[in-house]
Amino acid sequence: MRAVVQRVKWAKVEVLSRPVGEIGPGLLILLAVNREDTIQEVKWLARKIVSLRIFSDSEDKLNLSLKEVDGQVLVVSQFTLYGDCRKGCRPSYTHSAPPEVARRLYQEFIDELRTYGCRVQQGEFQAHMEVSLLNHGPVTIIVDTPHSSKEGT
């Protein structure tokens, strides 16, 4: 799995000008599922993200996690994160999971975040979405599950 994690003051996602998810301070997570991913990657990634120390403490040091600041989460599926542009100019998405697998693991990732007590909103899977946010910092982190980083994708 691959996640682009952005610390935000707020974020929202709309489909056909209709709001489907909106949060206040917390994390916007753009999530891609690899064709090799399993529930183990879901659990690893959720644990890693809720534990990332990317929120400021009283001394303005990045020392606090999502759990410690009681932040909200907006998760948006984005298969294009696995776009491979090493050859030619048209990205290849061969590393992305097929939609039926990706949908299941996307939902399991959201459910796993909730087991940590996260207040989670989500985008609409396979929809054309408009995502708006106010990046705070900016702080943006890319997190790959261990098998994804070994593949170099």
N, C-alpha and C. Protein backbone atom coordinates (compact mmCIF):
# COMPACT_ATOMS: atom_id res chain seq x y z
N MET A 1 0.85 -1.17 0.00
CA MET A 1 0.00 0.00 0.00
C MET A 1 0.89 1.23 0.00
N ARG A 2 0.35 2.26 -0.55
CA ARG A 2 1.05 3.54 -0.57
C ARG A 2 0.07 4.61 -0.11
N ALA A 3 0.55 5.46 0.80
CA ALA A 3 -0.28 6.55 1.31
C ALA A 3 0.50 7.85 1.23
N VAL A 4 -0.18 8.87 0.75
CA VAL A 4 0.33 10.23 0.85
C VAL A 4 -0.47 10.85 2.00
N VAL A 5 0.25 11.21 3.05
CA VAL A 5 -0.36 11.68 4.29
C VAL A 5 -0.08 13.17 4.41
N GLN A 6 -1.15 13.96 4.46
CA GLN A 6 -0.99 15.40 4.57
C GLN A 6 -1.64 15.88 5.87
N ARG A 7 -0.86 16.64 6.64
CA ARG A 7 -1.42 17.25 7.84
C ARG A 7 -2.22 18.47 7.37
N VAL A 8 -3.48 18.54 7.80
CA VAL A 8 -4.37 19.60 7.30
C VAL A 8 -5.07 20.32 8.44
N LYS A 9 -5.45 21.56 8.15
CA LYS A 9 -6.34 22.29 9.05
C LYS A 9 -7.78 21.89 8.76
N TRP A 10 -8.06 21.57 7.49
CA TRP A 10 -9.35 21.04 7.07
C TRP A 10 -9.18 20.39 5.69
N ALA A 11 -10.09 19.48 5.38
CA ALA A 11 -10.10 18.85 4.05
C ALA A 11 -11.52 18.39 3.76
N LYS A 12 -11.86 18.38 2.47
CA LYS A 12 -13.18 17.87 2.08
C LYS A 12 -13.08 17.25 0.70
N VAL A 13 -14.00 16.35 0.43
CA VAL A 13 -14.06 15.70 -0.87
C VAL A 13 -15.51 15.78 -1.35
N GLU A 14 -15.65 16.10 -2.65
CA GLU A 14 -16.97 16.21 -3.27
C GLU A 14 -17.02 15.33 -4.50
N VAL A 15 -18.22 14.82 -4.80
CA VAL A 15 -18.49 14.08 -6.02
C VAL A 15 -19.69 14.76 -6.67
N LEU A 16 -19.50 15.22 -7.91
CA LEU A 16 -20.57 15.94 -8.63
C LEU A 16 -21.11 17.11 -7.80
N SER A 17 -20.19 17.88 -7.22
CA SER A 17 -20.50 19.05 -6.38
C SER A 17 -21.27 18.70 -5.11
N ARG A 18 -21.31 17.43 -4.74
CA ARG A 18 -21.99 16.97 -3.53
C ARG A 18 -20.94 16.55 -2.51
N PRO A 19 -20.95 17.16 -1.32
CA PRO A 19 -19.97 16.76 -0.31
C PRO A 19 -20.18 15.32 0.13
N VAL A 20 -19.07 14.55 0.19
CA VAL A 20 -19.16 13.16 0.66
C VAL A 20 -18.32 12.92 1.90
N GLY A 21 -17.38 13.82 2.21
CA GLY A 21 -16.56 13.70 3.41
C GLY A 21 -15.90 15.02 3.72
N GLU A 22 -15.83 15.36 5.00
CA GLU A 22 -15.21 16.63 5.40
C GLU A 22 -14.68 16.49 6.82
N ILE A 23 -13.47 17.04 7.05
CA ILE A 23 -12.86 16.98 8.38
C ILE A 23 -12.30 18.34 8.76
N GLY A 24 -12.08 18.50 10.06
CA GLY A 24 -11.34 19.63 10.60
C GLY A 24 -9.88 19.23 10.72
N PRO A 25 -9.17 19.73 11.71
CA PRO A 25 -7.75 19.41 11.85
C PRO A 25 -7.47 17.92 11.93
N GLY A 26 -6.45 17.49 11.19
CA GLY A 26 -6.08 16.08 11.19
C GLY A 26 -5.28 15.71 9.97
N LEU A 27 -5.64 14.57 9.36
CA LEU A 27 -4.87 14.04 8.23
C LEU A 27 -5.77 13.76 7.03
N LEU A 28 -5.31 14.18 5.87
CA LEU A 28 -5.87 13.73 4.60
C LEU A 28 -4.95 12.62 4.12
N ILE A 29 -5.53 11.45 3.84
CA ILE A 29 -4.74 10.31 3.38
C ILE A 29 -5.21 9.92 1.99
N LEU A 30 -4.31 10.05 1.00
CA LEU A 30 -4.56 9.55 -0.34
C LEU A 30 -4.00 8.14 -0.35
N LEU A 31 -4.82 7.14 -0.68
CA LEU A 31 -4.46 5.74 -0.48
C LEU A 31 -4.53 4.95 -1.78
N ALA A 32 -3.45 4.22 -2.06
CA ALA A 32 -3.41 3.30 -3.21
C ALA A 32 -3.14 1.90 -2.70
N VAL A 33 -3.80 0.93 -3.32
CA VAL A 33 -3.63 -0.47 -2.96
C VAL A 33 -2.85 -1.17 -4.05
N ASN A 34 -1.79 -1.86 -3.65
CA ASN A 34 -0.95 -2.63 -4.56
C ASN A 34 -1.59 -3.99 -4.83
N ARG A 35 -1.34 -4.53 -6.00
CA ARG A 35 -1.93 -5.82 -6.36
C ARG A 35 -1.48 -6.96 -5.44
N GLU A 36 -0.38 -6.78 -4.71
CA GLU A 36 0.13 -7.80 -3.80
C GLU A 36 -0.33 -7.60 -2.35
N ASP A 37 -1.08 -6.56 -2.07
CA ASP A 37 -1.44 -6.23 -0.69
C ASP A 37 -2.43 -7.22 -0.09
N THR A 38 -2.30 -7.36 1.24
CA THR A 38 -3.19 -8.21 2.03
C THR A 38 -3.60 -7.45 3.28
N ILE A 39 -4.34 -8.11 4.14
CA ILE A 39 -4.75 -7.49 5.40
C ILE A 39 -3.54 -7.13 6.27
N GLN A 40 -2.42 -7.82 6.10
CA GLN A 40 -1.22 -7.49 6.89
C GLN A 40 -0.74 -6.07 6.56
N GLU A 41 -0.78 -5.70 5.28
CA GLU A 41 -0.38 -4.34 4.89
C GLU A 41 -1.36 -3.31 5.44
N VAL A 42 -2.64 -3.65 5.42
CA VAL A 42 -3.66 -2.75 5.97
C VAL A 42 -3.36 -2.45 7.42
N LYS A 43 -3.14 -3.48 8.21
CA LYS A 43 -2.89 -3.31 9.64
C LYS A 43 -1.59 -2.55 9.89
N TRP A 44 -0.54 -2.88 9.14
CA TRP A 44 0.75 -2.21 9.31
C TRP A 44 0.60 -0.71 9.01
N LEU A 45 -0.04 -0.39 7.89
CA LEU A 45 -0.15 1.01 7.47
C LEU A 45 -1.02 1.82 8.43
N ALA A 46 -2.13 1.28 8.86
CA ALA A 46 -2.99 2.01 9.80
C ALA A 46 -2.23 2.30 11.09
N ARG A 47 -1.55 1.29 11.64
CA ARG A 47 -0.78 1.48 12.87
C ARG A 47 0.31 2.53 12.68
N LYS A 48 1.01 2.47 11.54
CA LYS A 48 2.08 3.42 11.26
C LYS A 48 1.54 4.85 11.19
N ILE A 49 0.45 5.04 10.46
CA ILE A 49 -0.07 6.40 10.25
C ILE A 49 -0.61 7.00 11.55
N VAL A 50 -1.36 6.25 12.34
CA VAL A 50 -1.88 6.84 13.59
C VAL A 50 -0.76 7.12 14.59
N SER A 51 0.41 6.51 14.39
CA SER A 51 1.53 6.71 15.31
C SER A 51 2.55 7.74 14.81
N LEU A 52 2.42 8.19 13.55
CA LEU A 52 3.38 9.16 13.03
C LEU A 52 3.40 10.43 13.89
N ARG A 53 4.57 10.84 14.29
CA ARG A 53 4.71 12.04 15.12
C ARG A 53 4.92 13.24 14.21
N ILE A 54 3.81 13.76 13.67
CA ILE A 54 3.89 14.86 12.70
C ILE A 54 3.03 16.06 13.10
N PHE A 55 2.61 16.09 14.36
CA PHE A 55 1.87 17.24 14.89
C PHE A 55 2.75 17.94 15.92
N SER A 56 2.63 19.24 16.01
CA SER A 56 3.49 20.04 16.88
C SER A 56 3.09 19.95 18.34
N ASP A 57 4.12 19.89 19.19
CA ASP A 57 3.89 19.94 20.63
C ASP A 57 3.94 21.39 21.10
N SER A 58 3.97 21.60 22.41
CA SER A 58 3.96 22.97 22.95
C SER A 58 5.23 23.74 22.61
N GLU A 59 6.29 23.05 22.22
CA GLU A 59 7.54 23.71 21.82
C GLU A 59 7.67 23.80 20.30
N ASP A 60 6.58 23.52 19.59
CA ASP A 60 6.51 23.58 18.13
C ASP A 60 7.42 22.56 17.45
N LYS A 61 7.64 21.43 18.12
CA LYS A 61 8.40 20.32 17.54
C LYS A 61 7.41 19.25 17.07
N LEU A 62 7.73 18.61 15.94
CA LEU A 62 6.88 17.54 15.44
C LEU A 62 7.07 16.33 16.35
N ASN A 63 6.22 16.24 17.36
CA ASN A 63 6.43 15.26 18.41
C ASN A 63 5.16 14.52 18.81
N LEU A 64 4.02 14.90 18.23
CA LEU A 64 2.75 14.31 18.63
C LEU A 64 2.12 13.54 17.47
N SER A 65 1.39 12.49 17.81
CA SER A 65 0.72 11.66 16.81
C SER A 65 -0.74 12.08 16.68
N LEU A 66 -1.38 11.53 15.67
CA LEU A 66 -2.81 11.76 15.45
C LEU A 66 -3.61 11.40 16.69
N LYS A 67 -3.27 10.28 17.31
CA LYS A 67 -3.97 9.84 18.52
C LYS A 67 -3.85 10.89 19.62
N GLU A 68 -2.67 11.48 19.76
CA GLU A 68 -2.42 12.42 20.86
C GLU A 68 -3.10 13.76 20.66
N VAL A 69 -3.38 14.14 19.41
CA VAL A 69 -4.03 15.42 19.16
C VAL A 69 -5.52 15.26 18.87
N ASP A 70 -6.01 14.03 18.91
CA ASP A 70 -7.42 13.74 18.63
C ASP A 70 -7.85 14.30 17.27
N GLY A 71 -6.97 14.10 16.28
CA GLY A 71 -7.25 14.61 14.94
C GLY A 71 -8.23 13.73 14.18
N GLN A 72 -8.81 14.30 13.14
CA GLN A 72 -9.73 13.59 12.27
C GLN A 72 -8.98 13.08 11.04
N VAL A 73 -9.60 12.18 10.29
CA VAL A 73 -8.97 11.59 9.12
C VAL A 73 -9.95 11.58 7.95
N LEU A 74 -9.46 11.97 6.78
CA LEU A 74 -10.21 11.83 5.54
C LEU A 74 -9.39 10.93 4.62
N VAL A 75 -9.96 9.79 4.22
CA VAL A 75 -9.26 8.83 3.37
C VAL A 75 -9.88 8.86 1.98
N VAL A 76 -9.01 9.05 0.97
CA VAL A 76 -9.45 9.13 -0.42
C VAL A 76 -8.67 8.09 -1.22
N SER A 77 -9.39 7.22 -1.92
CA SER A 77 -8.72 6.21 -2.75
C SER A 77 -8.11 6.90 -3.97
N GLN A 78 -6.89 6.48 -4.34
CA GLN A 78 -6.21 7.09 -5.48
C GLN A 78 -5.24 6.09 -6.10
N PHE A 79 -5.75 5.27 -7.01
CA PHE A 79 -4.94 4.23 -7.64
C PHE A 79 -3.77 4.82 -8.41
N THR A 80 -3.86 6.07 -8.84
CA THR A 80 -2.79 6.67 -9.65
C THR A 80 -1.49 6.84 -8.88
N LEU A 81 -1.51 6.66 -7.56
CA LEU A 81 -0.26 6.73 -6.79
C LEU A 81 0.72 5.63 -7.19
N TYR A 82 0.20 4.57 -7.82
CA TYR A 82 1.08 3.51 -8.30
C TYR A 82 1.42 3.68 -9.78
N GLY A 83 1.16 4.85 -10.33
CA GLY A 83 1.52 5.10 -11.72
C GLY A 83 3.04 5.05 -11.90
N ASP A 84 3.50 4.18 -12.78
CA ASP A 84 4.92 4.01 -13.05
C ASP A 84 5.26 4.77 -14.32
N CYS A 85 6.09 5.79 -14.19
CA CYS A 85 6.44 6.66 -15.31
C CYS A 85 7.87 6.46 -15.79
N ARG A 86 8.49 5.36 -15.41
CA ARG A 86 9.89 5.15 -15.77
C ARG A 86 10.08 4.94 -17.26
N LYS A 87 9.08 4.39 -17.94
CA LYS A 87 9.17 4.16 -19.38
C LYS A 87 8.08 4.97 -20.07
N GLY A 88 8.46 5.74 -21.07
CA GLY A 88 7.48 6.50 -21.83
C GLY A 88 6.85 7.62 -21.03
N CYS A 89 5.78 8.17 -21.58
CA CYS A 89 5.11 9.32 -20.96
C CYS A 89 3.72 8.98 -20.45
N ARG A 90 3.26 7.78 -20.70
CA ARG A 90 1.95 7.37 -20.19
C ARG A 90 2.18 6.44 -19.01
N PRO A 91 1.71 6.83 -17.81
CA PRO A 91 1.93 5.99 -16.64
C PRO A 91 1.30 4.61 -16.80
N SER A 92 2.00 3.62 -16.27
CA SER A 92 1.49 2.25 -16.22
C SER A 92 0.95 2.01 -14.81
N TYR A 93 -0.22 1.39 -14.74
CA TYR A 93 -0.84 1.13 -13.44
C TYR A 93 -0.87 -0.37 -13.12
N THR A 94 0.09 -1.11 -13.64
CA THR A 94 0.09 -2.56 -13.46
C THR A 94 0.32 -2.97 -12.00
N HIS A 95 0.86 -2.09 -11.18
CA HIS A 95 1.07 -2.42 -9.77
C HIS A 95 -0.17 -2.17 -8.92
N SER A 96 -1.16 -1.44 -9.47
CA SER A 96 -2.40 -1.17 -8.74
C SER A 96 -3.25 -2.43 -8.66
N ALA A 97 -3.91 -2.61 -7.54
CA ALA A 97 -4.81 -3.76 -7.36
C ALA A 97 -6.04 -3.59 -8.23
N PRO A 98 -6.64 -4.70 -8.67
CA PRO A 98 -7.91 -4.61 -9.40
C PRO A 98 -8.98 -3.99 -8.49
N PRO A 99 -9.95 -3.32 -9.07
CA PRO A 99 -10.94 -2.57 -8.27
C PRO A 99 -11.60 -3.38 -7.15
N GLU A 100 -11.98 -4.62 -7.40
CA GLU A 100 -12.69 -5.38 -6.36
C GLU A 100 -11.78 -5.67 -5.15
N VAL A 101 -10.50 -5.87 -5.39
CA VAL A 101 -9.54 -6.08 -4.30
C VAL A 101 -9.25 -4.76 -3.60
N ALA A 102 -9.01 -3.73 -4.40
CA ALA A 102 -8.69 -2.42 -3.83
C ALA A 102 -9.84 -1.89 -2.98
N ARG A 103 -11.07 -2.05 -3.44
CA ARG A 103 -12.24 -1.56 -2.67
C ARG A 103 -12.30 -2.24 -1.30
N ARG A 104 -12.10 -3.55 -1.27
CA ARG A 104 -12.17 -4.30 -0.01
C ARG A 104 -11.07 -3.85 0.96
N LEU A 105 -9.84 -3.72 0.46
CA LEU A 105 -8.72 -3.33 1.34
C LEU A 105 -8.81 -1.86 1.74
N TYR A 106 -9.31 -1.02 0.87
CA TYR A 106 -9.56 0.39 1.19
C TYR A 106 -10.53 0.47 2.38
N GLN A 107 -11.62 -0.28 2.30
CA GLN A 107 -12.60 -0.25 3.38
C GLN A 107 -12.02 -0.87 4.66
N GLU A 108 -11.23 -1.92 4.52
CA GLU A 108 -10.62 -2.53 5.70
C GLU A 108 -9.62 -1.57 6.35
N PHE A 109 -8.93 -0.76 5.54
CA PHE A 109 -8.02 0.25 6.08
C PHE A 109 -8.80 1.27 6.91
N ILE A 110 -9.92 1.73 6.39
CA ILE A 110 -10.77 2.69 7.12
C ILE A 110 -11.26 2.06 8.42
N ASP A 111 -11.72 0.82 8.34
CA ASP A 111 -12.19 0.12 9.54
C ASP A 111 -11.06 -0.03 10.56
N GLU A 112 -9.86 -0.32 10.08
CA GLU A 112 -8.71 -0.47 10.99
C GLU A 112 -8.38 0.85 11.67
N LEU A 113 -8.43 1.97 10.95
CA LEU A 113 -8.21 3.27 11.59
C LEU A 113 -9.22 3.50 12.71
N ARG A 114 -10.45 3.09 12.47
CA ARG A 114 -11.50 3.27 13.49
C ARG A 114 -11.22 2.44 14.74
N THR A 115 -10.53 1.30 14.60
CA THR A 115 -10.21 0.50 15.79
C THR A 115 -9.25 1.26 16.71
N TYR A 116 -8.54 2.24 16.17
CA TYR A 116 -7.65 3.08 16.98
C TYR A 116 -8.38 4.29 17.55
N GLY A 117 -9.68 4.37 17.31
CA GLY A 117 -10.47 5.48 17.83
C GLY A 117 -10.50 6.69 16.91
N CYS A 118 -10.01 6.55 15.69
CA CYS A 118 -9.99 7.67 14.75
C CYS A 118 -11.39 7.98 14.23
N ARG A 119 -11.66 9.27 14.12
CA ARG A 119 -12.90 9.72 13.48
C ARG A 119 -12.59 9.87 12.00
N VAL A 120 -13.17 8.98 11.19
CA VAL A 120 -12.78 8.85 9.79
C VAL A 120 -13.95 9.21 8.87
N GLN A 121 -13.65 10.03 7.88
CA GLN A 121 -14.53 10.31 6.75
C GLN A 121 -13.84 9.71 5.53
N GLN A 122 -14.58 9.53 4.45
CA GLN A 122 -13.97 8.93 3.28
C GLN A 122 -14.53 9.50 1.99
N GLY A 123 -13.74 9.31 0.93
CA GLY A 123 -14.20 9.66 -0.40
C GLY A 123 -15.10 8.56 -0.93
N GLU A 124 -15.44 8.65 -2.21
CA GLU A 124 -16.28 7.64 -2.85
C GLU A 124 -15.40 6.83 -3.79
N PHE A 125 -15.29 5.54 -3.51
CA PHE A 125 -14.41 4.67 -4.28
C PHE A 125 -14.80 4.68 -5.75
N GLN A 126 -13.81 4.81 -6.64
CA GLN A 126 -13.94 4.80 -8.10
C GLN A 126 -14.74 5.97 -8.66
N ALA A 127 -14.92 7.00 -7.89
CA ALA A 127 -15.62 8.19 -8.39
C ALA A 127 -14.60 9.25 -8.78
N HIS A 128 -15.01 10.14 -9.68
CA HIS A 128 -14.21 11.32 -9.98
C HIS A 128 -14.48 12.30 -8.84
N MET A 129 -13.46 12.61 -8.06
CA MET A 129 -13.64 13.42 -6.86
C MET A 129 -12.88 14.74 -6.97
N GLU A 130 -13.40 15.71 -6.28
CA GLU A 130 -12.71 16.99 -6.11
C GLU A 130 -12.32 17.09 -4.63
N VAL A 131 -11.02 17.20 -4.40
CA VAL A 131 -10.50 17.23 -3.04
C VAL A 131 -9.96 18.63 -2.76
N SER A 132 -10.41 19.21 -1.67
CA SER A 132 -9.94 20.52 -1.23
C SER A 132 -9.32 20.37 0.15
N LEU A 133 -8.29 21.17 0.41
CA LEU A 133 -7.63 21.08 1.71
C LEU A 133 -6.85 22.33 2.01
N LEU A 134 -6.58 22.53 3.27
CA LEU A 134 -5.64 23.53 3.70
C LEU A 134 -4.52 22.78 4.40
N ASN A 135 -3.40 22.60 3.66
CA ASN A 135 -2.26 21.86 4.18
C ASN A 135 -1.64 22.67 5.30
N HIS A 136 -1.36 22.03 6.43
CA HIS A 136 -0.85 22.71 7.61
C HIS A 136 0.63 22.41 7.77
N GLY A 137 1.46 23.41 7.52
CA GLY A 137 2.90 23.26 7.68
C GLY A 137 3.68 23.86 6.53
N PRO A 138 3.65 23.29 5.38
CA PRO A 138 3.00 22.04 5.02
C PRO A 138 3.79 20.83 5.53
N VAL A 139 3.05 19.80 5.90
CA VAL A 139 3.64 18.52 6.28
C VAL A 139 2.99 17.46 5.40
N THR A 140 3.81 16.84 4.55
CA THR A 140 3.34 15.79 3.65
C THR A 140 4.34 14.64 3.72
N ILE A 141 3.84 13.44 4.01
CA ILE A 141 4.69 12.26 4.16
C ILE A 141 4.17 11.17 3.22
N ILE A 142 5.09 10.48 2.56
CA ILE A 142 4.72 9.32 1.74
C ILE A 142 5.10 8.07 2.53
N VAL A 143 4.13 7.19 2.72
CA VAL A 143 4.37 5.96 3.48
C VAL A 143 4.05 4.78 2.58
N ASP A 144 5.04 3.92 2.37
CA ASP A 144 4.86 2.67 1.65
C ASP A 144 4.94 1.53 2.64
N THR A 145 4.09 0.52 2.47
CA THR A 145 4.22 -0.67 3.30
C THR A 145 5.53 -1.36 2.91
N PRO A 146 6.10 -2.16 3.80
CA PRO A 146 7.42 -2.75 3.53
C PRO A 146 7.56 -3.47 2.20
N HIS A 147 6.59 -4.27 1.77
CA HIS A 147 6.77 -4.97 0.50
C HIS A 147 6.73 -4.02 -0.67
N SER A 148 5.97 -2.93 -0.58
CA SER A 148 5.89 -1.96 -1.68
C SER A 148 7.22 -1.28 -1.91
N SER A 149 7.90 -0.91 -0.81
CA SER A 149 9.18 -0.21 -0.98
C SER A 149 10.26 -1.13 -1.53
N LYS A 150 10.19 -2.44 -1.28
CA LYS A 150 11.17 -3.37 -1.82
C LYS A 150 11.01 -3.55 -3.33
N GLU A 151 9.78 -3.42 -3.81
CA GLU A 151 9.52 -3.57 -5.25
C GLU A 151 10.00 -2.36 -6.02
N GLY A 152 10.22 -1.25 -5.33
CA GLY A 152 10.63 -0.04 -6.02
C GLY A 152 9.48 0.63 -6.74
N THR A 153 8.26 0.32 -6.31
CA THR A 153 7.09 0.95 -6.94
C THR A 153 6.41 1.87 -5.99
